[in-house]
Amino acid sequence: VQLQASGGGLVQVGGSLRLSCAGSGRTFSGYVMGWFRQAPGKEREFVATISWAGTRKYHADSVKGRFTISRDNAKNTVYLQMNSLKPEDTAVYFCAARAVRVPSSACLNPIHYTYWGQGTLVTVSS
């Protein structure tokens, strides 16, 4: 599975962005998908994860109520809608795929994901 993240950019505080992650090489309908982010000098952190059917979603407390993960398996694409952006959301955002169908606590840890996109930079200016 090859993943290509896009949609990052520069946005003002309170603004919105939608990130996309397109998969190719193999359908990822059988995969849990996740979004992670990494700010300069910090470790990669969990943002959100979604089950293969899109029926189970989990978001980090820091983004709950502002970000929403979704997926369209027909398009082999997973999305991250980001609203009410804050300066602390500034980071490189990565999408990732794990070959399980239902998220578990392990899906909050990046080491359990097999496939990664290249990352897309989100910068929130104040």
C-alpha atoms as a PDB file:
ATOM      1  CA  VAL A   1       0.000   0.000   0.000  1.00  0.00           C
ATOM      2  CA  GLN A   2       1.344   3.400  -0.988  1.00  0.00           C
ATOM      3  CA  LEU A   3      -0.110   6.430   0.758  1.00  0.00           C
ATOM      4  CA  GLN A   4      -0.043  10.032  -0.434  1.00  0.00           C
ATOM      5  CA  ALA A   5      -1.089  12.757   1.979  1.00  0.00           C
ATOM      6  CA  SER A   6      -2.144  16.183   0.786  1.00  0.00           C
ATOM      7  CA  GLY A   7      -4.107  19.240   1.804  1.00  0.00           C
ATOM      8  CA  GLY A   8      -1.741  20.897   4.232  1.00  0.00           C
ATOM      9  CA  GLY A   9      -0.933  24.578   4.137  1.00  0.00           C
ATOM     10  CA  LEU A  10      -0.878  27.843   6.005  1.00  0.00           C
ATOM     11  CA  VAL A  11      -4.061  28.860   7.811  1.00  0.00           C
ATOM     12  CA  GLN A  12      -4.971  31.428  10.422  1.00  0.00           C
ATOM     13  CA  VAL A  13      -6.132  30.603  13.921  1.00  0.00           C
ATOM     14  CA  GLY A  14      -9.723  29.455  13.853  1.00  0.00           C
ATOM     15  CA  GLY A  15      -9.522  28.375  10.244  1.00  0.00           C
ATOM     16  CA  SER A  16     -10.134  24.991   8.646  1.00  0.00           C
ATOM     17  CA  LEU A  17      -8.304  22.532   6.462  1.00  0.00           C
ATOM     18  CA  ARG A  18      -9.143  19.120   5.101  1.00  0.00           C
ATOM     19  CA  LEU A  19      -6.330  16.651   4.707  1.00  0.00           C
ATOM     20  CA  SER A  20      -6.608  13.740   2.302  1.00  0.00           C
ATOM     21  CA  CYS A  21      -4.680  10.515   2.145  1.00  0.00           C
ATOM     22  CA  ALA A  22      -4.975   8.553  -1.077  1.00  0.00           C
ATOM     23  CA  GLY A  23      -3.995   4.919  -1.163  1.00  0.00           C
ATOM     24  CA  SER A  24      -2.749   2.973  -4.152  1.00  0.00           C
ATOM     25  CA  GLY A  25      -1.265  -0.398  -4.898  1.00  0.00           C
ATOM     26  CA  ARG A  26      -3.851  -2.295  -2.937  1.00  0.00           C
ATOM     27  CA  THR A  27      -7.264  -1.428  -1.643  1.00  0.00           C
ATOM     28  CA  PHE A  28      -7.086  -0.453   1.975  1.00  0.00           C
ATOM     29  CA  SER A  29     -10.663  -1.304   2.822  1.00  0.00           C
ATOM     30  CA  GLY A  30      -9.301  -4.025   5.110  1.00  0.00           C
ATOM     31  CA  TYR A  31      -7.055  -1.641   7.009  1.00  0.00           C
ATOM     32  CA  VAL A  32      -7.460   0.595   9.999  1.00  0.00           C
ATOM     33  CA  MET A  33      -6.292   4.064   8.999  1.00  0.00           C
ATOM     34  CA  GLY A  34      -4.738   6.617  11.288  1.00  0.00           C
ATOM     35  CA  TRP A  35      -3.565  10.196  11.316  1.00  0.00           C
ATOM     36  CA  PHE A  36      -0.549  11.237  13.350  1.00  0.00           C
ATOM     37  CA  ARG A  37       1.325  14.491  13.630  1.00  0.00           C
ATOM     38  CA  GLN A  38       4.803  15.569  14.553  1.00  0.00           C
ATOM     39  CA  ALA A  39       5.788  19.050  15.597  1.00  0.00           C
ATOM     40  CA  PRO A  40       9.433  20.205  15.502  1.00  0.00           C
ATOM     41  CA  GLY A  41      11.411  18.688  18.362  1.00  0.00           C
ATOM     42  CA  LYS A  42       8.522  16.505  19.481  1.00  0.00           C
ATOM     43  CA  GLU A  43       7.588  12.880  19.114  1.00  0.00           C
ATOM     44  CA  ARG A  44       4.997  11.715  16.637  1.00  0.00           C
ATOM     45  CA  GLU A  45       1.593  11.745  18.304  1.00  0.00           C
ATOM     46  CA  PHE A  46      -1.740  10.141  17.644  1.00  0.00           C
ATOM     47  CA  VAL A  47      -4.495  12.304  16.169  1.00  0.00           C
ATOM     48  CA  ALA A  48      -7.272   9.976  15.001  1.00  0.00           C
ATOM     49  CA  THR A  49      -8.019   6.476  13.780  1.00  0.00           C
ATOM     50  CA  ILE A  50     -10.893   4.846  11.929  1.00  0.00           C
ATOM     51  CA  SER A  51     -12.018   1.276  11.381  1.00  0.00           C
ATOM     52  CA  TRP A  52     -12.049  -0.306   7.943  1.00  0.00           C
ATOM     53  CA  ALA A  53     -15.805   0.223   7.590  1.00  0.00           C
ATOM     54  CA  GLY A  54     -15.662   3.758   8.941  1.00  0.00           C
ATOM     55  CA  THR A  55     -18.040   2.939  11.778  1.00  0.00           C
ATOM     56  CA  ARG A  56     -15.574   3.302  14.640  1.00  0.00           C
ATOM     57  CA  LYS A  57     -13.584   6.451  15.105  1.00  0.00           C
ATOM     58  CA  TYR A  58     -11.316   7.649  17.854  1.00  0.00           C
ATOM     59  CA  HIS A  59      -9.810  11.077  18.240  1.00  0.00           C
ATOM     60  CA  ALA A  60      -7.135  12.372  20.569  1.00  0.00           C
ATOM     61  CA  ASP A  61      -8.469  14.501  23.404  1.00  0.00           C
ATOM     62  CA  SER A  62      -6.502  17.451  22.078  1.00  0.00           C
ATOM     63  CA  VAL A  63      -8.495  17.476  18.822  1.00  0.00           C
ATOM     64  CA  LYS A  64     -11.835  16.020  19.910  1.00  0.00           C
ATOM     65  CA  GLY A  65     -14.714  18.214  18.800  1.00  0.00           C
ATOM     66  CA  ARG A  66     -12.534  20.037  16.273  1.00  0.00           C
ATOM     67  CA  PHE A  67     -11.139  17.308  14.003  1.00  0.00           C
ATOM     68  CA  THR A  68     -13.037  14.501  12.295  1.00  0.00           C
ATOM     69  CA  ILE A  69     -11.607  11.483  10.548  1.00  0.00           C
ATOM     70  CA  SER A  70     -13.545   9.819   7.748  1.00  0.00           C
ATOM     71  CA  ARG A  71     -12.916   7.523   4.821  1.00  0.00           C
ATOM     72  CA  ASP A  72     -14.248   6.636   1.405  1.00  0.00           C
ATOM     73  CA  ASN A  73     -13.162   3.101   0.552  1.00  0.00           C
ATOM     74  CA  ALA A  74     -14.504   3.391  -2.989  1.00  0.00           C
ATOM     75  CA  LYS A  75     -11.958   6.148  -3.519  1.00  0.00           C
ATOM     76  CA  ASN A  76      -9.234   4.557  -1.381  1.00  0.00           C
ATOM     77  CA  THR A  77      -9.055   7.802   0.535  1.00  0.00           C
ATOM     78  CA  VAL A  78      -9.118   8.816   4.173  1.00  0.00           C
ATOM     79  CA  TYR A  79      -9.750  12.377   5.292  1.00  0.00           C
ATOM     80  CA  LEU A  80      -9.067  14.554   8.292  1.00  0.00           C
ATOM     81  CA  GLN A  81     -11.345  17.563   8.581  1.00  0.00           C
ATOM     82  CA  MET A  82      -9.711  20.103  10.868  1.00  0.00           C
ATOM     83  CA  ASN A  83     -11.733  23.017  12.214  1.00  0.00           C
ATOM     84  CA  SER A  84     -11.038  25.713  14.786  1.00  0.00           C
ATOM     85  CA  LEU A  85      -7.333  25.315  14.241  1.00  0.00           C
ATOM     86  CA  LYS A  86      -4.927  26.479  16.917  1.00  0.00           C
ATOM     87  CA  PRO A  87      -1.214  27.338  16.764  1.00  0.00           C
ATOM     88  CA  GLU A  88      -0.455  24.143  18.693  1.00  0.00           C
ATOM     89  CA  ASP A  89      -1.895  22.149  15.789  1.00  0.00           C
ATOM     90  CA  THR A  90       1.102  23.190  13.695  1.00  0.00           C
ATOM     91  CA  ALA A  91       2.897  20.006  12.652  1.00  0.00           C
ATOM     92  CA  VAL A  92       3.603  17.631   9.830  1.00  0.00           C
ATOM     93  CA  TYR A  93       0.603  15.335   9.524  1.00  0.00           C
ATOM     94  CA  PHE A  94       1.044  11.732   8.479  1.00  0.00           C
ATOM     95  CA  CYS A  95      -1.470   9.127   7.452  1.00  0.00           C
ATOM     96  CA  ALA A  96      -0.830   5.482   8.150  1.00  0.00           C
ATOM     97  CA  ALA A  97      -2.382   2.072   7.561  1.00  0.00           C
ATOM     98  CA  ARG A  98      -2.495  -0.952   9.819  1.00  0.00           C
ATOM     99  CA  ALA A  99      -3.636  -4.369   8.602  1.00  0.00           C
ATOM    100  CA  VAL A 100      -6.446  -4.854  11.103  1.00  0.00           C
ATOM    101  CA  ARG A 101     -10.108  -4.022  10.640  1.00  0.00           C
ATOM    102  CA  VAL A 102     -11.062  -2.633  14.032  1.00  0.00           C
ATOM    103  CA  PRO A 103      -9.077  -0.122  16.071  1.00  0.00           C
ATOM    104  CA  SER A 104      -7.709  -1.088  19.443  1.00  0.00           C
ATOM    105  CA  SER A 105      -5.546   0.752  21.939  1.00  0.00           C
ATOM    106  CA  ALA A 106      -2.571  -0.392  19.886  1.00  0.00           C
ATOM    107  CA  CYS A 107      -3.762   1.859  17.070  1.00  0.00           C
ATOM    108  CA  LEU A 108      -2.844   4.889  19.163  1.00  0.00           C
ATOM    109  CA  ASN A 109       0.820   3.936  18.883  1.00  0.00           C
ATOM    110  CA  PRO A 110       2.575   4.686  15.597  1.00  0.00           C
ATOM    111  CA  ILE A 111       4.850   1.657  15.902  1.00  0.00           C
ATOM    112  CA  HIS A 112       1.907  -0.617  15.095  1.00  0.00           C
ATOM    113  CA  TYR A 113       1.317   0.867  11.645  1.00  0.00           C
ATOM    114  CA  THR A 114       2.932  -0.717   8.615  1.00  0.00           C
ATOM    115  CA  TYR A 115       2.410   1.821   5.849  1.00  0.00           C
ATOM    116  CA  TRP A 116       3.005   5.561   6.007  1.00  0.00           C
ATOM    117  CA  GLY A 117       2.433   8.531   3.768  1.00  0.00           C
ATOM    118  CA  GLN A 118       5.083  11.179   3.292  1.00  0.00           C
ATOM    119  CA  GLY A 119       3.447  13.807   5.480  1.00  0.00           C
ATOM    120  CA  THR A 120       1.872  17.163   4.782  1.00  0.00           C
ATOM    121  CA  LEU A 121       2.727  20.347   6.672  1.00  0.00           C
ATOM    122  CA  VAL A 122       0.035  22.292   8.496  1.00  0.00           C
ATOM    123  CA  THR A 123       0.989  25.707   9.821  1.00  0.00           C
ATOM    124  CA  VAL A 124      -1.450  27.680  11.941  1.00  0.00           C
ATOM    125  CA  SER A 125      -0.544  31.329  12.316  1.00  0.00           C
ATOM    126  CA  SER A 126      -1.740  33.548  15.151  1.00  0.00           C
END
